[in-house]
Amino acid sequence: MSAATLNQLDHPINCDVLVCGNDLAAKEKVIELIRRLDVAAYNTGPAVNARCIEAITPILIRLNISKKVPFTHAGIRIWAPGA
């Protein structure tokens, strides 16, 4: 989720948040706080998983600076086909 998205308090946040870390209680607290923003948050396991999650960031940045897409704040959405 981009800082620009978080700074637009008058707009809904249209993405999900992936939370990883080694302290389960801390992750649960972070997920609780994120859900207060009416945003889905998912426990994605231990901190070592951040390496994979952060690898998505350059792709989102590239989309955000591209003039070929109709948006400027790309994010991630987790969904189940047919749900």
PDB file of N, CA and C in Angstrom:
ATOM      1  N   MET A   1       0.849  -1.157   0.000  1.00  0.00           N
ATOM      2  CA  MET A   1       0.000   0.000   0.000  1.00  0.00           C
ATOM      3  C   MET A   1       0.902   1.228   0.000  1.00  0.00           C
ATOM      4  N   SER A   2       0.642   2.132  -0.920  1.00  0.00           N
ATOM      5  CA  SER A   2       1.495   3.312  -1.030  1.00  0.00           C
ATOM      6  C   SER A   2       1.163   4.345   0.047  1.00  0.00           C
ATOM      7  N   ALA A   3       2.139   5.176   0.347  1.00  0.00           N
ATOM      8  CA  ALA A   3       1.923   6.267   1.301  1.00  0.00           C
ATOM      9  C   ALA A   3       0.857   7.214   0.773  1.00  0.00           C
ATOM     10  N   ALA A   4       0.832   7.418  -0.534  1.00  0.00           N
ATOM     11  CA  ALA A   4      -0.180   8.299  -1.129  1.00  0.00           C
ATOM     12  C   ALA A   4      -1.581   7.757  -0.865  1.00  0.00           C
ATOM     13  N   THR A   5      -1.737   6.454  -0.943  1.00  0.00           N
ATOM     14  CA  THR A   5      -3.034   5.840  -0.646  1.00  0.00           C
ATOM     15  C   THR A   5      -3.422   6.079   0.804  1.00  0.00           C
ATOM     16  N   LEU A   6      -2.492   5.900   1.716  1.00  0.00           N
ATOM     17  CA  LEU A   6      -2.775   6.113   3.140  1.00  0.00           C
ATOM     18  C   LEU A   6      -3.083   7.568   3.456  1.00  0.00           C
ATOM     19  N   ASN A   7      -2.536   8.489   2.696  1.00  0.00           N
ATOM     20  CA  ASN A   7      -2.756   9.916   2.943  1.00  0.00           C
ATOM     21  C   ASN A   7      -4.084  10.416   2.410  1.00  0.00           C
ATOM     22  N   GLN A   8      -4.793   9.615   1.644  1.00  0.00           N
ATOM     23  CA  GLN A   8      -6.092  10.018   1.100  1.00  0.00           C
ATOM     24  C   GLN A   8      -7.199   9.443   1.983  1.00  0.00           C
ATOM     25  N   LEU A   9      -7.373  10.035   3.135  1.00  0.00           N
ATOM     26  CA  LEU A   9      -8.312   9.505   4.119  1.00  0.00           C
ATOM     27  C   LEU A   9      -9.762   9.567   3.669  1.00  0.00           C
ATOM     28  N   ASP A  10     -10.064  10.405   2.682  1.00  0.00           N
ATOM     29  CA  ASP A  10     -11.437  10.530   2.207  1.00  0.00           C
ATOM     30  C   ASP A  10     -11.767   9.515   1.107  1.00  0.00           C
ATOM     31  N   HIS A  11     -10.815   8.659   0.746  1.00  0.00           N
ATOM     32  CA  HIS A  11     -11.025   7.629  -0.269  1.00  0.00           C
ATOM     33  C   HIS A  11     -10.878   6.241   0.363  1.00  0.00           C
ATOM     34  N   PRO A  12     -11.670   5.274  -0.109  1.00  0.00           N
ATOM     35  CA  PRO A  12     -11.498   3.913   0.410  1.00  0.00           C
ATOM     36  C   PRO A  12     -10.158   3.331  -0.042  1.00  0.00           C
ATOM     37  N   ILE A  13      -9.609   2.460   0.755  1.00  0.00           N
ATOM     38  CA  ILE A  13      -8.360   1.786   0.410  1.00  0.00           C
ATOM     39  C   ILE A  13      -8.734   0.498  -0.308  1.00  0.00           C
ATOM     40  N   ASN A  14      -8.353   0.403  -1.562  1.00  0.00           N
ATOM     41  CA  ASN A  14      -8.780  -0.708  -2.407  1.00  0.00           C
ATOM     42  C   ASN A  14      -7.646  -1.709  -2.629  1.00  0.00           C
ATOM     43  N   CYS A  15      -7.097  -2.207  -1.541  1.00  0.00           N
ATOM     44  CA  CYS A  15      -6.073  -3.251  -1.637  1.00  0.00           C
ATOM     45  C   CYS A  15      -6.026  -4.005  -0.318  1.00  0.00           C
ATOM     46  N   ASP A  16      -5.323  -5.108  -0.323  1.00  0.00           N
ATOM     47  CA  ASP A  16      -5.140  -5.912   0.879  1.00  0.00           C
ATOM     48  C   ASP A  16      -3.712  -5.738   1.377  1.00  0.00           C
ATOM     49  N   VAL A  17      -3.470  -6.162   2.610  1.00  0.00           N
ATOM     50  CA  VAL A  17      -2.140  -6.038   3.207  1.00  0.00           C
ATOM     51  C   VAL A  17      -1.664  -7.419   3.646  1.00  0.00           C
ATOM     52  N   LEU A  18      -0.433  -7.733   3.287  1.00  0.00           N
ATOM     53  CA  LEU A  18       0.193  -8.993   3.676  1.00  0.00           C
ATOM     54  C   LEU A  18       1.126  -8.709   4.843  1.00  0.00           C
ATOM     55  N   VAL A  19       0.909  -9.397   5.969  1.00  0.00           N
ATOM     56  CA  VAL A  19       1.665  -9.135   7.198  1.00  0.00           C
ATOM     57  C   VAL A  19       2.494 -10.365   7.543  1.00  0.00           C
ATOM     58  N   CYS A  20       3.802 -10.176   7.658  1.00  0.00           N
ATOM     59  CA  CYS A  20       4.655 -11.286   8.085  1.00  0.00           C
ATOM     60  C   CYS A  20       5.541 -10.828   9.235  1.00  0.00           C
ATOM     61  N   GLY A  21       5.969 -11.777  10.036  1.00  0.00           N
ATOM     62  CA  GLY A  21       6.823 -11.476  11.174  1.00  0.00           C
ATOM     63  C   GLY A  21       6.968 -12.704  12.054  1.00  0.00           C
ATOM     64  N   ASN A  22       7.884 -12.637  12.978  1.00  0.00           N
ATOM     65  CA  ASN A  22       8.162 -13.789  13.838  1.00  0.00           C
ATOM     66  C   ASN A  22       7.426 -13.754  15.170  1.00  0.00           C
ATOM     67  N   ASP A  23       6.744 -12.655  15.462  1.00  0.00           N
ATOM     68  CA  ASP A  23       6.020 -12.501  16.728  1.00  0.00           C
ATOM     69  C   ASP A  23       4.524 -12.546  16.432  1.00  0.00           C
ATOM     70  N   LEU A  24       3.884 -13.672  16.737  1.00  0.00           N
ATOM     71  CA  LEU A  24       2.470 -13.853  16.415  1.00  0.00           C
ATOM     72  C   LEU A  24       1.600 -12.780  17.050  1.00  0.00           C
ATOM     73  N   ALA A  25       1.836 -12.441  18.307  1.00  0.00           N
ATOM     74  CA  ALA A  25       1.025 -11.423  18.983  1.00  0.00           C
ATOM     75  C   ALA A  25       1.163 -10.074  18.283  1.00  0.00           C
ATOM     76  N   ALA A  26       2.364  -9.732  17.868  1.00  0.00           N
ATOM     77  CA  ALA A  26       2.579  -8.465  17.165  1.00  0.00           C
ATOM     78  C   ALA A  26       1.861  -8.469  15.820  1.00  0.00           C
ATOM     79  N   LYS A  27       1.930  -9.585  15.108  1.00  0.00           N
ATOM     80  CA  LYS A  27       1.234  -9.674  13.817  1.00  0.00           C
ATOM     81  C   LYS A  27      -0.268  -9.534  14.004  1.00  0.00           C
ATOM     82  N   GLU A  28      -0.805 -10.183  15.026  1.00  0.00           N
ATOM     83  CA  GLU A  28      -2.243 -10.083  15.283  1.00  0.00           C
ATOM     84  C   GLU A  28      -2.650  -8.650  15.578  1.00  0.00           C
ATOM     85  N   LYS A  29      -1.827  -7.912  16.318  1.00  0.00           N
ATOM     86  CA  LYS A  29      -2.117  -6.506  16.624  1.00  0.00           C
ATOM     87  C   LYS A  29      -2.080  -5.664  15.353  1.00  0.00           C
ATOM     88  N   VAL A  30      -1.067  -5.873  14.520  1.00  0.00           N
ATOM     89  CA  VAL A  30      -0.960  -5.133  13.259  1.00  0.00           C
ATOM     90  C   VAL A  30      -2.163  -5.429  12.370  1.00  0.00           C
ATOM     91  N   ILE A  31      -2.542  -6.696  12.268  1.00  0.00           N
ATOM     92  CA  ILE A  31      -3.699  -7.071  11.453  1.00  0.00           C
ATOM     93  C   ILE A  31      -4.963  -6.417  11.993  1.00  0.00           C
ATOM     94  N   GLU A  32      -5.121  -6.382  13.301  1.00  0.00           N
ATOM     95  CA  GLU A  32      -6.277  -5.721  13.920  1.00  0.00           C
ATOM     96  C   GLU A  32      -6.313  -4.236  13.555  1.00  0.00           C
ATOM     97  N   LEU A  33      -5.183  -3.560  13.632  1.00  0.00           N
ATOM     98  CA  LEU A  33      -5.122  -2.132  13.297  1.00  0.00           C
ATOM     99  C   LEU A  33      -5.443  -1.890  11.824  1.00  0.00           C
ATOM    100  N   ILE A  34      -4.923  -2.737  10.953  1.00  0.00           N
ATOM    101  CA  ILE A  34      -5.191  -2.592   9.520  1.00  0.00           C
ATOM    102  C   ILE A  34      -6.669  -2.791   9.240  1.00  0.00           C
ATOM    103  N   ARG A  35      -7.279  -3.767   9.888  1.00  0.00           N
ATOM    104  CA  ARG A  35      -8.704  -4.037   9.659  1.00  0.00           C
ATOM    105  C   ARG A  35      -9.584  -2.883  10.139  1.00  0.00           C
ATOM    106  N   ARG A  36      -9.106  -2.089  11.077  1.00  0.00           N
ATOM    107  CA  ARG A  36      -9.851  -0.890  11.499  1.00  0.00           C
ATOM    108  C   ARG A  36      -9.970   0.119  10.360  1.00  0.00           C
ATOM    109  N   LEU A  37      -9.068   0.025   9.382  1.00  0.00           N
ATOM    110  CA  LEU A  37      -9.132   0.882   8.195  1.00  0.00           C
ATOM    111  C   LEU A  37     -10.075   0.303   7.144  1.00  0.00           C
ATOM    112  N   ASP A  38     -10.784  -0.774   7.490  1.00  0.00           N
ATOM    113  CA  ASP A  38     -11.674  -1.492   6.578  1.00  0.00           C
ATOM    114  C   ASP A  38     -10.888  -2.088   5.410  1.00  0.00           C
ATOM    115  N   VAL A  39      -9.715  -2.620   5.738  1.00  0.00           N
ATOM    116  CA  VAL A  39      -8.822  -3.235   4.761  1.00  0.00           C
ATOM    117  C   VAL A  39      -8.562  -4.676   5.202  1.00  0.00           C
ATOM    118  N   ALA A  40      -8.590  -5.600   4.257  1.00  0.00           N
ATOM    119  CA  ALA A  40      -8.273  -6.996   4.577  1.00  0.00           C
ATOM    120  C   ALA A  40      -6.777  -7.134   4.812  1.00  0.00           C
ATOM    121  N   ALA A  41      -6.419  -7.884   5.829  1.00  0.00           N
ATOM    122  CA  ALA A  41      -5.011  -8.143   6.147  1.00  0.00           C
ATOM    123  C   ALA A  41      -4.849  -9.634   6.375  1.00  0.00           C
ATOM    124  N   TYR A  42      -3.730 -10.157   5.918  1.00  0.00           N
ATOM    125  CA  TYR A  42      -3.488 -11.589   5.992  1.00  0.00           C
ATOM    126  C   TYR A  42      -2.155 -11.883   6.659  1.00  0.00           C
ATOM    127  N   ASN A  43      -2.156 -12.882   7.547  1.00  0.00           N
ATOM    128  CA  ASN A  43      -0.933 -13.363   8.169  1.00  0.00           C
ATOM    129  C   ASN A  43      -0.222 -14.230   7.136  1.00  0.00           C
ATOM    130  N   THR A  44       0.932 -13.784   6.677  1.00  0.00           N
ATOM    131  CA  THR A  44       1.652 -14.503   5.628  1.00  0.00           C
ATOM    132  C   THR A  44       2.897 -15.209   6.149  1.00  0.00           C
ATOM    133  N   GLY A  45       2.916 -15.495   7.446  1.00  0.00           N
ATOM    134  CA  GLY A  45       3.976 -16.323   7.993  1.00  0.00           C
ATOM    135  C   GLY A  45       5.136 -15.564   8.595  1.00  0.00           C
ATOM    136  N   PRO A  46       6.280 -16.243   8.706  1.00  0.00           N
ATOM    137  CA  PRO A  46       7.440 -15.656   9.386  1.00  0.00           C
ATOM    138  C   PRO A  46       8.095 -14.526   8.589  1.00  0.00           C
ATOM    139  N   ALA A  47       8.965 -13.799   9.260  1.00  0.00           N
ATOM    140  CA  ALA A  47       9.628 -12.635   8.661  1.00  0.00           C
ATOM    141  C   ALA A  47      10.406 -12.985   7.402  1.00  0.00           C
ATOM    142  N   VAL A  48      10.907 -14.195   7.319  1.00  0.00           N
ATOM    143  CA  VAL A  48      11.670 -14.587   6.132  1.00  0.00           C
ATOM    144  C   VAL A  48      10.820 -14.474   4.861  1.00  0.00           C
ATOM    145  N   ASN A  49       9.514 -14.555   4.984  1.00  0.00           N
ATOM    146  CA  ASN A  49       8.622 -14.418   3.834  1.00  0.00           C
ATOM    147  C   ASN A  49       8.575 -12.999   3.290  1.00  0.00           C
ATOM    148  N   ALA A  50       9.031 -12.031   4.063  1.00  0.00           N
ATOM    149  CA  ALA A  50       9.047 -10.641   3.596  1.00  0.00           C
ATOM    150  C   ALA A  50       9.873 -10.505   2.327  1.00  0.00           C
ATOM    151  N   ARG A  51      10.870 -11.336   2.185  1.00  0.00           N
ATOM    152  CA  ARG A  51      11.712 -11.289   0.985  1.00  0.00           C
ATOM    153  C   ARG A  51      10.864 -11.481  -0.272  1.00  0.00           C
ATOM    154  N   CYS A  52       9.970 -12.432  -0.253  1.00  0.00           N
ATOM    155  CA  CYS A  52       9.099 -12.682  -1.405  1.00  0.00           C
ATOM    156  C   CYS A  52       8.065 -11.580  -1.574  1.00  0.00           C
ATOM    157  N   ILE A  53       7.487 -11.154  -0.474  1.00  0.00           N
ATOM    158  CA  ILE A  53       6.457 -10.118  -0.531  1.00  0.00           C
ATOM    159  C   ILE A  53       7.042  -8.805  -1.041  1.00  0.00           C
ATOM    160  N   GLU A  54       8.205  -8.421  -0.538  1.00  0.00           N
ATOM    161  CA  GLU A  54       8.835  -7.170  -0.965  1.00  0.00           C
ATOM    162  C   GLU A  54       9.289  -7.218  -2.416  1.00  0.00           C
ATOM    163  N   ALA A  55       9.472  -8.408  -2.965  1.00  0.00           N
ATOM    164  CA  ALA A  55       9.859  -8.520  -4.374  1.00  0.00           C
ATOM    165  C   ALA A  55       8.759  -8.021  -5.304  1.00  0.00           C
ATOM    166  N   ILE A  56       7.540  -7.940  -4.808  1.00  0.00           N
ATOM    167  CA  ILE A  56       6.415  -7.429  -5.593  1.00  0.00           C
ATOM    168  C   ILE A  56       6.490  -5.907  -5.732  1.00  0.00           C
ATOM    169  N   THR A  57       7.133  -5.243  -4.797  1.00  0.00           N
ATOM    170  CA  THR A  57       7.164  -3.779  -4.749  1.00  0.00           C
ATOM    171  C   THR A  57       7.657  -3.135  -6.038  1.00  0.00           C
ATOM    172  N   PRO A  58       8.768  -3.568  -6.627  1.00  0.00           N
ATOM    173  CA  PRO A  58       9.212  -2.924  -7.874  1.00  0.00           C
ATOM    174  C   PRO A  58       8.182  -3.022  -9.002  1.00  0.00           C
ATOM    175  N   ILE A  59       7.428  -4.116  -9.026  1.00  0.00           N
ATOM    176  CA  ILE A  59       6.384  -4.259 -10.041  1.00  0.00           C
ATOM    177  C   ILE A  59       5.299  -3.213  -9.821  1.00  0.00           C
ATOM    178  N   LEU A  60       4.878  -3.033  -8.576  1.00  0.00           N
ATOM    179  CA  LEU A  60       3.850  -2.038  -8.268  1.00  0.00           C
ATOM    180  C   LEU A  60       4.340  -0.629  -8.576  1.00  0.00           C
ATOM    181  N   ILE A  61       5.588  -0.341  -8.238  1.00  0.00           N
ATOM    182  CA  ILE A  61       6.151   0.985  -8.528  1.00  0.00           C
ATOM    183  C   ILE A  61       6.155   1.228 -10.032  1.00  0.00           C
ATOM    184  N   ARG A  62       6.564   0.234 -10.793  1.00  0.00           N
ATOM    185  CA  ARG A  62       6.599   0.378 -12.254  1.00  0.00           C
ATOM    186  C   ARG A  62       5.199   0.647 -12.793  1.00  0.00           C
ATOM    187  N   LEU A  63       4.207  -0.068 -12.292  1.00  0.00           N
ATOM    188  CA  LEU A  63       2.827   0.193 -12.710  1.00  0.00           C
ATOM    189  C   LEU A  63       2.401   1.608 -12.340  1.00  0.00           C
ATOM    190  N   ASN A  64       2.780   2.034 -11.148  1.00  0.00           N
ATOM    191  CA  ASN A  64       2.374   3.355 -10.675  1.00  0.00           C
ATOM    192  C   ASN A  64       2.972   4.485 -11.502  1.00  0.00           C
ATOM    193  N   ILE A  65       4.167   4.304 -12.035  1.00  0.00           N
ATOM    194  CA  ILE A  65       4.776   5.387 -12.821  1.00  0.00           C
ATOM    195  C   ILE A  65       4.465   5.264 -14.305  1.00  0.00           C
ATOM    196  N   SER A  66       3.866   4.151 -14.703  1.00  0.00           N
ATOM    197  CA  SER A  66       3.523   3.944 -16.103  1.00  0.00           C
ATOM    198  C   SER A  66       2.349   4.829 -16.498  1.00  0.00           C
ATOM    199  N   LYS A  67       2.429   5.356 -17.693  1.00  0.00           N
ATOM    200  CA  LYS A  67       1.314   6.160 -18.218  1.00  0.00           C
ATOM    201  C   LYS A  67       0.339   5.284 -19.005  1.00  0.00           C
ATOM    202  N   LYS A  68       0.560   3.975 -18.988  1.00  0.00           N
ATOM    203  CA  LYS A  68      -0.258   3.057 -19.775  1.00  0.00           C
ATOM    204  C   LYS A  68      -1.360   2.392 -18.962  1.00  0.00           C
ATOM    205  N   VAL A  69      -1.515   2.773 -17.715  1.00  0.00           N
ATOM    206  CA  VAL A  69      -2.562   2.216 -16.863  1.00  0.00           C
ATOM    207  C   VAL A  69      -3.426   3.357 -16.329  1.00  0.00           C
ATOM    208  N   PRO A  70      -4.709   3.082 -16.054  1.00  0.00           N
ATOM    209  CA  PRO A  70      -5.619   4.155 -15.626  1.00  0.00           C
ATOM    210  C   PRO A  70      -5.606   4.422 -14.120  1.00  0.00           C
ATOM    211  N   PHE A  71      -4.481   4.172 -13.467  1.00  0.00           N
ATOM    212  CA  PHE A  71      -4.399   4.397 -12.024  1.00  0.00           C
ATOM    213  C   PHE A  71      -2.981   4.797 -11.664  1.00  0.00           C
ATOM    214  N   THR A  72      -2.801   5.285 -10.438  1.00  0.00           N
ATOM    215  CA  THR A  72      -1.471   5.718 -10.004  1.00  0.00           C
ATOM    216  C   THR A  72      -1.038   5.088  -8.690  1.00  0.00           C
ATOM    217  N   HIS A  73      -1.879   4.273  -8.081  1.00  0.00           N
ATOM    218  CA  HIS A  73      -1.545   3.678  -6.785  1.00  0.00           C
ATOM    219  C   HIS A  73      -1.889   2.190  -6.782  1.00  0.00           C
ATOM    220  N   ALA A  74      -1.144   1.404  -7.542  1.00  0.00           N
ATOM    221  CA  ALA A  74      -1.398  -0.036  -7.634  1.00  0.00           C
ATOM    222  C   ALA A  74      -1.175  -0.702  -6.282  1.00  0.00           C
ATOM    223  N   GLY A  75      -1.961  -1.714  -6.014  1.00  0.00           N
ATOM    224  CA  GLY A  75      -1.824  -2.489  -4.789  1.00  0.00           C
ATOM    225  C   GLY A  75      -2.132  -3.948  -5.067  1.00  0.00           C
ATOM    226  N   ILE A  76      -2.176  -4.738  -4.027  1.00  0.00           N
ATOM    227  CA  ILE A  76      -2.429  -6.174  -4.133  1.00  0.00           C
ATOM    228  C   ILE A  76      -3.821  -6.479  -3.580  1.00  0.00           C
ATOM    229  N   ARG A  77      -4.536  -7.348  -4.265  1.00  0.00           N
ATOM    230  CA  ARG A  77      -5.844  -7.810  -3.783  1.00  0.00           C
ATOM    231  C   ARG A  77      -5.823  -9.343  -3.801  1.00  0.00           C
ATOM    232  N   ILE A  78      -6.168  -9.964  -2.678  1.00  0.00           N
ATOM    233  CA  ILE A  78      -6.259 -11.415  -2.578  1.00  0.00           C
ATOM    234  C   ILE A  78      -7.722 -11.796  -2.798  1.00  0.00           C
ATOM    235  N   TRP A  79      -7.972 -12.693  -3.742  1.00  0.00           N
ATOM    236  CA  TRP A  79      -9.352 -13.101  -4.008  1.00  0.00           C
ATOM    237  C   TRP A  79      -9.384 -14.559  -4.447  1.00  0.00           C
ATOM    238  N   ALA A  80     -10.531 -15.159  -4.275  1.00  0.00           N
ATOM    239  CA  ALA A  80     -10.736 -16.540  -4.700  1.00  0.00           C
ATOM    240  C   ALA A  80     -11.636 -16.533  -5.928  1.00  0.00           C
ATOM    241  N   PRO A  81     -11.182 -17.082  -7.043  1.00  0.00           N
ATOM    242  CA  PRO A  81     -12.029 -17.126  -8.240  1.00  0.00           C
ATOM    243  C   PRO A  81     -13.367 -17.790  -7.934  1.00  0.00           C
ATOM    244  N   GLY A  82     -14.416 -17.185  -8.403  1.00  0.00           N
ATOM    245  CA  GLY A  82     -15.748 -17.726  -8.198  1.00  0.00           C
ATOM    246  C   GLY A  82     -16.367 -17.412  -6.850  1.00  0.00           C
ATOM    247  N   ALA A  83     -15.626 -16.720  -5.990  1.00  0.00           N
ATOM    248  CA  ALA A  83     -16.156 -16.408  -4.654  1.00  0.00           C
ATOM    249  C   ALA A  83     -16.995 -15.153  -4.680  1.00  0.00           C
TER     250      ALA A  83
END
